[in-house]
C-alpha atoms as a PDB file:
ATOM      1  CA  MET A   1     -74.133  65.958 -22.112  1.00  0.00           C
ATOM      2  CA  CYS A   2     -73.362  62.335 -22.759  1.00  0.00           C
ATOM      3  CA  THR A   3     -73.240  60.919 -26.267  1.00  0.00           C
ATOM      4  CA  SER A   4     -72.910  57.237 -25.413  1.00  0.00           C
ATOM      5  CA  ASN A   5     -74.069  54.985 -22.623  1.00  0.00           C
ATOM      6  CA  ALA A   6     -70.515  54.798 -21.267  1.00  0.00           C
ATOM      7  CA  ASP A   7     -70.551  58.575 -20.737  1.00  0.00           C
ATOM      8  CA  CYS A   8     -73.693  58.608 -18.615  1.00  0.00           C
ATOM      9  CA  VAL A   9     -73.629  59.148 -14.905  1.00  0.00           C
ATOM     10  CA  ALA A  10     -76.416  57.392 -12.988  1.00  0.00           C
ATOM     11  CA  PRO A  11     -79.258  58.130 -12.695  1.00  0.00           C
ATOM     12  CA  GLU A  12     -79.055  60.056 -15.952  1.00  0.00           C
ATOM     13  CA  VAL A  13     -80.659  58.330 -18.923  1.00  0.00           C
ATOM     14  CA  CYS A  14     -78.531  58.816 -22.003  1.00  0.00           C
ATOM     15  CA  LEU A  15     -80.097  59.437 -25.409  1.00  0.00           C
ATOM     16  CA  ILE A  16     -77.726  59.124 -28.350  1.00  0.00           C
ATOM     17  CA  GLN A  17     -77.794  62.427 -30.190  1.00  0.00           C
ATOM     18  CA  ASP A  18     -77.949  63.179 -33.897  1.00  0.00           C
ATOM     19  CA  VAL A  19     -75.659  66.185 -34.110  1.00  0.00           C
ATOM     20  CA  PRO A  20     -75.118  67.753 -37.547  1.00  0.00           C
ATOM     21  CA  ALA A  21     -71.355  67.614 -38.078  1.00  0.00           C
ATOM     22  CA  VAL A  22     -68.690  67.616 -40.764  1.00  0.00           C
ATOM     23  CA  GLN A  23     -65.427  65.689 -40.496  1.00  0.00           C
ATOM     24  CA  VAL A  24     -62.519  66.539 -42.793  1.00  0.00           C
ATOM     25  CA  THR A  25     -59.318  64.470 -43.060  1.00  0.00           C
ATOM     26  CA  VAL A  26     -56.303  65.816 -44.952  1.00  0.00           C
ATOM     27  CA  ARG A  27     -53.276  63.650 -45.743  1.00  0.00           C
ATOM     28  CA  LYS A  28     -50.263  64.492 -47.891  1.00  0.00           C
ATOM     29  CA  SER A  29     -47.239  62.532 -49.064  1.00  0.00           C
ATOM     30  CA  VAL A  30     -44.020  64.354 -48.126  1.00  0.00           C
ATOM     31  CA  PRO A  31     -40.519  63.383 -49.324  1.00  0.00           C
ATOM     32  CA  THR A  32     -37.949  62.735 -46.612  1.00  0.00           C
ATOM     33  CA  PHE A  33     -34.322  63.851 -46.362  1.00  0.00           C
ATOM     34  CA  PHE A  34     -32.436  62.305 -43.430  1.00  0.00           C
ATOM     35  CA  ALA A  35     -34.924  59.420 -43.137  1.00  0.00           C
ATOM     36  CA  LYS A  36     -33.813  58.137 -46.541  1.00  0.00           C
ATOM     37  CA  ALA A  37     -30.863  56.555 -44.743  1.00  0.00           C
ATOM     38  CA  LEU A  38     -33.379  54.374 -42.900  1.00  0.00           C
ATOM     39  CA  GLY A  39     -35.197  53.454 -46.076  1.00  0.00           C
ATOM     40  CA  TRP A  40     -38.051  55.960 -45.723  1.00  0.00           C
ATOM     41  CA  ASP A  41     -38.347  57.922 -48.953  1.00  0.00           C
ATOM     42  CA  THR A  42     -41.686  59.506 -48.064  1.00  0.00           C
ATOM     43  CA  PHE A  43     -44.135  59.725 -45.184  1.00  0.00           C
ATOM     44  CA  SER A  44     -47.778  60.785 -45.091  1.00  0.00           C
ATOM     45  CA  PRO A  45     -48.742  63.083 -42.208  1.00  0.00           C
ATOM     46  CA  GLY A  46     -52.461  63.698 -41.758  1.00  0.00           C
ATOM     47  CA  ALA A  47     -54.896  65.761 -39.732  1.00  0.00           C
ATOM     48  CA  THR A  48     -58.593  65.383 -38.968  1.00  0.00           C
ATOM     49  CA  ALA A  49     -61.002  68.137 -37.917  1.00  0.00           C
ATOM     50  CA  VAL A  50     -64.642  67.879 -36.849  1.00  0.00           C
ATOM     51  CA  ALA A  51     -67.046  70.840 -36.770  1.00  0.00           C
ATOM     52  CA  ALA A  52     -70.595  70.540 -35.411  1.00  0.00           C
ATOM     53  CA  THR A  53     -73.641  72.610 -34.671  1.00  0.00           C
ATOM     54  CA  THR A  54     -75.928  71.570 -31.850  1.00  0.00           C
ATOM     55  CA  GLY A  55     -79.566  71.213 -32.758  1.00  0.00           C
ATOM     56  CA  TYR A  56     -80.859  73.000 -35.798  1.00  0.00           C
ATOM     57  CA  PRO A  57     -79.598  76.399 -36.943  1.00  0.00           C
ATOM     58  CA  GLN A  58     -82.803  77.440 -38.674  1.00  0.00           C
ATOM     59  CA  THR A  59     -86.551  76.932 -38.757  1.00  0.00           C
ATOM     60  CA  ALA A  60     -89.104  77.359 -41.510  1.00  0.00           C
ATOM     61  CA  LYS A  61     -92.057  77.734 -39.106  1.00  0.00           C
ATOM     62  CA  PRO A  62     -91.191  80.139 -36.292  1.00  0.00           C
ATOM     63  CA  PHE A  63     -93.886  81.086 -33.772  1.00  0.00           C
ATOM     64  CA  PRO A  64     -94.228  84.846 -33.055  1.00  0.00           C
ATOM     65  CA  VAL A  65     -93.204  84.573 -29.399  1.00  0.00           C
ATOM     66  CA  ALA A  66     -89.562  85.019 -28.368  1.00  0.00           C
ATOM     67  CA  VAL A  67     -88.400  83.396 -25.112  1.00  0.00           C
ATOM     68  CA  SER A  68     -85.427  84.268 -22.931  1.00  0.00           C
ATOM     69  CA  ASN A  69     -82.175  82.358 -22.946  1.00  0.00           C
ATOM     70  CA  CYS A  70     -81.988  82.583 -19.131  1.00  0.00           C
ATOM     71  CA  MET A  71     -85.263  80.663 -18.786  1.00  0.00           C
ATOM     72  CA  VAL A  72     -84.359  78.055 -21.420  1.00  0.00           C
ATOM     73  CA  ASP A  73     -80.887  77.512 -19.960  1.00  0.00           C
ATOM     74  CA  ASP A  74     -82.242  77.178 -16.421  1.00  0.00           C
ATOM     75  CA  TYR A  75     -84.897  74.667 -17.400  1.00  0.00           C
ATOM     76  CA  PHE A  76     -82.629  72.374 -19.390  1.00  0.00           C
ATOM     77  CA  LYS A  77     -79.774  72.339 -16.901  1.00  0.00           C
ATOM     78  CA  GLN A  78     -81.859  69.902 -14.855  1.00  0.00           C
ATOM     79  CA  ILE A  79     -80.545  66.321 -14.911  1.00  0.00           C
ATOM     80  CA  PRO A  80     -82.685  64.353 -15.311  1.00  0.00           C
ATOM     81  CA  LEU A  81     -85.445  66.507 -16.742  1.00  0.00           C
ATOM     82  CA  PRO A  82     -88.686  66.444 -14.767  1.00  0.00           C
ATOM     83  CA  ASP A  83     -91.211  63.810 -15.834  1.00  0.00           C
ATOM     84  CA  PRO A  84     -93.909  64.922 -16.394  1.00  0.00           C
ATOM     85  CA  ALA A  85     -92.495  68.128 -17.822  1.00  0.00           C
ATOM     86  CA  THR A  86     -92.795  71.276 -15.707  1.00  0.00           C
ATOM     87  CA  ARG A  87     -95.511  73.641 -16.895  1.00  0.00           C
ATOM     88  CA  ILE A  88     -94.149  76.989 -18.075  1.00  0.00           C
ATOM     89  CA  LYS A  89     -96.092  80.270 -18.065  1.00  0.00           C
ATOM     90  CA  ILE A  90     -94.949  82.690 -20.764  1.00  0.00           C
ATOM     91  CA  TRP A  91     -95.293  86.420 -20.046  1.00  0.00           C
ATOM     92  CA  GLY A  92     -93.948  88.178 -17.043  1.00  0.00           C
ATOM     93  CA  PRO A  93     -90.996  87.238 -14.814  1.00  0.00           C
ATOM     94  CA  TYR A  94     -89.503  83.757 -14.684  1.00  0.00           C
ATOM     95  CA  SER A  95     -89.607  83.085 -10.966  1.00  0.00           C
ATOM     96  CA  ASN A  96     -86.798  80.506 -10.859  1.00  0.00           C
ATOM     97  CA  VAL A  97     -84.114  83.046 -11.838  1.00  0.00           C
ATOM     98  CA  PRO A  98     -84.051  86.563 -10.312  1.00  0.00           C
ATOM     99  CA  GLY A  99     -84.315  89.243 -12.965  1.00  0.00           C
ATOM    100  CA  CYS A 100     -85.163  86.769 -15.728  1.00  0.00           C
ATOM    101  CA  ASN A 101     -88.169  87.266 -18.008  1.00  0.00           C
ATOM    102  CA  THR A 102     -90.098  84.562 -19.816  1.00  0.00           C
ATOM    103  CA  GLY A 103     -91.098  85.799 -23.259  1.00  0.00           C
ATOM    104  CA  GLN A 104     -92.560  88.488 -25.482  1.00  0.00           C
ATOM    105  CA  TRP A 105     -94.321  88.872 -28.818  1.00  0.00           C
ATOM    106  CA  THR A 106     -92.198  89.251 -31.929  1.00  0.00           C
ATOM    107  CA  SER A 107     -93.172  90.477 -35.381  1.00  0.00           C
ATOM    108  CA  PHE A 108     -90.018  88.839 -36.791  1.00  0.00           C
ATOM    109  CA  THR A 109     -88.644  90.908 -39.661  1.00  0.00           C
ATOM    110  CA  GLU A 110     -91.228  93.691 -39.407  1.00  0.00           C
ATOM    111  CA  SER A 111     -89.995  96.541 -37.203  1.00  0.00           C
ATOM    112  CA  THR A 112     -93.455  97.224 -35.821  1.00  0.00           C
ATOM    113  CA  ASN A 113     -95.367  96.923 -32.577  1.00  0.00           C
ATOM    114  CA  SER A 114     -98.558  96.244 -34.495  1.00  0.00           C
ATOM    115  CA  ASN A 115    -101.117  93.822 -33.089  1.00  0.00           C
ATOM    116  CA  ALA A 116    -102.356  93.313 -36.659  1.00  0.00           C
ATOM    117  CA  ALA A 117     -98.926  92.246 -37.927  1.00  0.00           C
ATOM    118  CA  ILE A 118     -98.620  89.500 -35.309  1.00  0.00           C
ATOM    119  CA  LYS A 119    -102.243  88.408 -35.874  1.00  0.00           C
ATOM    120  CA  ARG A 120    -101.444  87.884 -39.557  1.00  0.00           C
ATOM    121  CA  LEU A 121     -98.537  85.646 -38.555  1.00  0.00           C
ATOM    122  CA  LEU A 122    -100.757  83.635 -36.199  1.00  0.00           C
ATOM    123  CA  ASN A 123    -103.593  83.079 -38.664  1.00  0.00           C
ATOM    124  CA  GLY A 124    -101.322  82.392 -41.623  1.00  0.00           C
ATOM    125  CA  THR A 125    -102.422  85.260 -43.842  1.00  0.00           C
ATOM    126  CA  GLN A 126     -98.819  86.422 -43.697  1.00  0.00           C
ATOM    127  CA  PRO A 127     -96.324  83.548 -43.941  1.00  0.00           C
ATOM    128  CA  ALA A 128     -93.663  83.537 -41.254  1.00  0.00           C
ATOM    129  CA  PRO A 129     -90.148  83.940 -42.663  1.00  0.00           C
ATOM    130  CA  ALA A 130     -87.571  81.184 -42.385  1.00  0.00           C
ATOM    131  CA  LEU A 131     -85.171  82.210 -39.639  1.00  0.00           C
ATOM    132  CA  ASN A 132     -81.566  81.372 -38.776  1.00  0.00           C
ATOM    133  CA  ILE A 133     -79.379  81.885 -35.751  1.00  0.00           C
ATOM    134  CA  GLY A 134     -78.104  85.436 -35.830  1.00  0.00           C
ATOM    135  CA  ASP A 135     -81.076  86.830 -37.777  1.00  0.00           C
ATOM    136  CA  PRO A 136     -82.483  89.981 -36.139  1.00  0.00           C
ATOM    137  CA  ILE A 137     -86.133  89.907 -35.040  1.00  0.00           C
ATOM    138  CA  HIS A 138     -88.275  92.707 -33.645  1.00  0.00           C
ATOM    139  CA  ILE A 139     -89.459  92.423 -30.039  1.00  0.00           C
ATOM    140  CA  SER A 140     -93.001  93.818 -29.782  1.00  0.00           C
ATOM    141  CA  THR A 141     -93.982  94.840 -26.269  1.00  0.00           C
ATOM    142  CA  GLY A 142     -97.441  95.960 -25.210  1.00  0.00           C
ATOM    143  CA  VAL A 143    -100.825  94.503 -24.339  1.00  0.00           C
ATOM    144  CA  MET A 144    -102.264  92.531 -27.263  1.00  0.00           C
ATOM    145  CA  ASN A 145    -105.266  90.866 -25.644  1.00  0.00           C
ATOM    146  CA  ASP A 146    -107.011  89.398 -28.674  1.00  0.00           C
ATOM    147  CA  LEU A 147    -103.902  87.476 -29.733  1.00  0.00           C
ATOM    148  CA  TYR A 148    -104.327  85.180 -26.740  1.00  0.00           C
ATOM    149  CA  GLN A 149    -107.761  84.182 -28.008  1.00  0.00           C
ATOM    150  CA  ASP A 150    -106.211  83.255 -31.352  1.00  0.00           C
ATOM    151  CA  ILE A 151    -103.767  80.996 -29.515  1.00  0.00           C
ATOM    152  CA  GLN A 152    -106.543  79.421 -27.438  1.00  0.00           C
ATOM    153  CA  ASN A 153    -108.634  78.764 -30.557  1.00  0.00           C
ATOM    154  CA  ASN A 154    -105.939  77.502 -32.912  1.00  0.00           C
ATOM    155  CA  PHE A 155    -102.782  76.354 -31.127  1.00  0.00           C
ATOM    156  CA  VAL A 156    -103.738  74.347 -28.038  1.00  0.00           C
ATOM    157  CA  GLY A 157    -102.085  70.925 -28.240  1.00  0.00           C
ATOM    158  CA  LYS A 158     -99.662  72.003 -30.969  1.00  0.00           C
ATOM    159  CA  VAL A 159     -95.869  72.102 -30.876  1.00  0.00           C
ATOM    160  CA  VAL A 160     -94.346  75.399 -31.990  1.00  0.00           C
ATOM    161  CA  GLU A 161     -90.761  76.522 -32.555  1.00  0.00           C
ATOM    162  CA  MET A 162     -89.951  79.649 -30.548  1.00  0.00           C
ATOM    163  CA  PRO A 163     -86.883  81.819 -31.176  1.00  0.00           C
ATOM    164  CA  VAL A 164     -84.597  82.337 -28.177  1.00  0.00           C
ATOM    165  CA  VAL A 165     -83.103  85.772 -27.454  1.00  0.00           C
ATOM    166  CA  LYS A 166     -81.136  87.454 -24.703  1.00  0.00           C
ATOM    167  CA  ASP A 167     -83.280  88.295 -21.689  1.00  0.00           C
ATOM    168  CA  ALA A 168     -82.351  91.980 -21.575  1.00  0.00           C
ATOM    169  CA  VAL A 169     -84.196  92.822 -24.802  1.00  0.00           C
ATOM    170  CA  LEU A 170     -87.597  91.423 -23.828  1.00  0.00           C
ATOM    171  CA  ASN A 171     -88.675  94.700 -22.199  1.00  0.00           C
ATOM    172  CA  THR A 172     -87.785  96.849 -25.209  1.00  0.00           C
ATOM    173  CA  ASN A 173     -89.201  97.525 -28.659  1.00  0.00           C
ATOM    174  CA  SER A 174     -86.043  96.658 -30.536  1.00  0.00           C
ATOM    175  CA  ASN A 175     -84.346  94.377 -33.012  1.00  0.00           C
ATOM    176  CA  THR A 176     -82.217  91.618 -31.545  1.00  0.00           C
ATOM    177  CA  PRO A 177     -80.399  88.564 -32.969  1.00  0.00           C
ATOM    178  CA  ILE A 178     -81.734  85.049 -32.439  1.00  0.00           C
ATOM    179  CA  THR A 179     -79.463  82.911 -30.250  1.00  0.00           C
ATOM    180  CA  GLY A 180     -81.353  79.634 -30.734  1.00  0.00           C
ATOM    181  CA  PHE A 181     -84.704  77.880 -31.008  1.00  0.00           C
ATOM    182  CA  VAL A 182     -86.721  75.780 -28.593  1.00  0.00           C
ATOM    183  CA  ASP A 183     -89.749  73.532 -29.081  1.00  0.00           C
ATOM    184  CA  PHE A 184     -92.764  74.286 -26.908  1.00  0.00           C
ATOM    185  CA  LYS A 185     -96.105  72.469 -26.670  1.00  0.00           C
ATOM    186  CA  ILE A 186     -98.982  74.854 -25.994  1.00  0.00           C
ATOM    187  CA  ASP A 187    -101.470  73.621 -23.392  1.00  0.00           C
ATOM    188  CA  GLY A 188    -103.665  76.711 -23.285  1.00  0.00           C
ATOM    189  CA  VAL A 189    -104.059  80.298 -22.111  1.00  0.00           C
ATOM    190  CA  ILE A 190    -104.790  81.479 -18.578  1.00  0.00           C
ATOM    191  CA  GLY A 191    -105.759  84.887 -17.204  1.00  0.00           C
ATOM    192  CA  ASN A 192    -107.563  87.797 -18.801  1.00  0.00           C
ATOM    193  CA  GLY A 193    -106.495  90.920 -20.645  1.00  0.00           C
ATOM    194  CA  ALA A 194    -103.110  92.244 -19.605  1.00  0.00           C
ATOM    195  CA  ASN A 195    -102.723  89.347 -17.164  1.00  0.00           C
ATOM    196  CA  SER A 196    -102.964  86.636 -19.826  1.00  0.00           C
ATOM    197  CA  GLN A 197    -100.248  83.995 -20.091  1.00  0.00           C
ATOM    198  CA  ILE A 198     -99.506  81.146 -22.495  1.00  0.00           C
ATOM    199  CA  ILE A 199     -99.059  77.871 -20.643  1.00  0.00           C
ATOM    200  CA  GLY A 200     -97.296  74.763 -21.887  1.00  0.00           C
ATOM    201  CA  HIS A 201     -94.051  72.860 -21.623  1.00  0.00           C
ATOM    202  CA  PHE A 202     -90.709  72.521 -23.356  1.00  0.00           C
ATOM    203  CA  LEU A 203     -89.965  69.352 -25.287  1.00  0.00           C
ATOM    204  CA  ALA A 204     -86.694  67.431 -25.033  1.00  0.00           C
ATOM    205  CA  TYR A 205     -85.075  65.754 -28.051  1.00  0.00           C
ATOM    206  CA  TYR A 206     -87.975  66.781 -30.239  1.00  0.00           C
ATOM    207  CA  LYS A 207     -87.504  66.355 -33.987  1.00  0.00           C
ATOM    208  CA  ASP A 208     -89.682  68.609 -36.084  1.00  0.00           C
ATOM    209  CA  ARG A 209     -90.129  67.984 -39.788  1.00  0.00           C
ATOM    210  CA  SER A 210     -89.927  71.704 -40.556  1.00  0.00           C
ATOM    211  CA  SER A 211     -86.406  71.845 -39.180  1.00  0.00           C
ATOM    212  CA  SER A 212     -83.617  71.497 -41.684  1.00  0.00           C
ATOM    213  CA  HIS A 213     -81.203  70.011 -39.119  1.00  0.00           C
ATOM    214  CA  PRO A 214     -82.995  68.066 -36.373  1.00  0.00           C
ATOM    215  CA  GLY A 215     -81.124  66.635 -33.425  1.00  0.00           C
ATOM    216  CA  GLY A 216     -78.742  67.998 -30.869  1.00  0.00           C
ATOM    217  CA  PRO A 217     -79.114  68.691 -27.173  1.00  0.00           C
ATOM    218  CA  LYS A 218     -82.130  68.100 -24.991  1.00  0.00           C
ATOM    219  CA  ASN A 219     -83.638  71.530 -25.512  1.00  0.00           C
ATOM    220  CA  ASN A 220     -83.113  71.670 -29.289  1.00  0.00           C
ATOM    221  CA  SER A 221     -81.694  75.141 -28.862  1.00  0.00           C
ATOM    222  CA  VAL A 222     -78.860  75.880 -31.208  1.00  0.00           C
ATOM    223  CA  THR A 223     -75.421  77.393 -31.353  1.00  0.00           C
ATOM    224  CA  PRO A 224     -73.159  78.424 -34.224  1.00  0.00           C
ATOM    225  CA  PRO A 225     -70.821  75.699 -35.542  1.00  0.00           C
ATOM    226  CA  VAL A 226     -67.827  74.973 -33.319  1.00  0.00           C
ATOM    227  CA  LEU A 227     -64.583  73.117 -33.964  1.00  0.00           C
ATOM    228  CA  LEU A 228     -64.644  69.959 -31.860  1.00  0.00           C
ATOM    229  CA  LYS A 229     -61.459  68.214 -32.939  1.00  0.00           C
END
């Protein structure tokens, strides 16, 4: 991913990124021995290191749907991204990648498959916990028909922050660590009963006020800090 116009390869359009980073420079004066003969009594070697995290490592307003990293990675590897954005259907297989799923309900920190627990998260009677990369969340499989009506009534047209997890866990009732977050705009719900799906599209370079560290790559998914320099 380019970070300046000079890095861009046509026809890619480069967007300068705000990447949370820390730069540390250490310099120390060291006395010389042999160099004294040349008039150098001391010299000051230095080193600089830069560590960065892409996107934001936490969210205060997670949405109780976890999506697969294989789907997110496949979508955002496109250069340039499709305009208008491709519509995504969440629930069931992701047809672009064999063996990849789209998403599944999550009750976050509650180890339960309860429809009621997720409904409380959707309607706000139970506040969603702030989540970080690496936090375990509970994947809640099963048919939860009435939750789709809640989404249709209250979330159409809204942008939500979905946790990203490894694809393999989406078919199990289990706890799994978050690998990132992605912003998704909900356009509606299609289907009925067990065949219902959330439809919408991913957002690129979206900055959400609830995020503590906005910025980063196109998909706003996140990774742990890495040493860049």
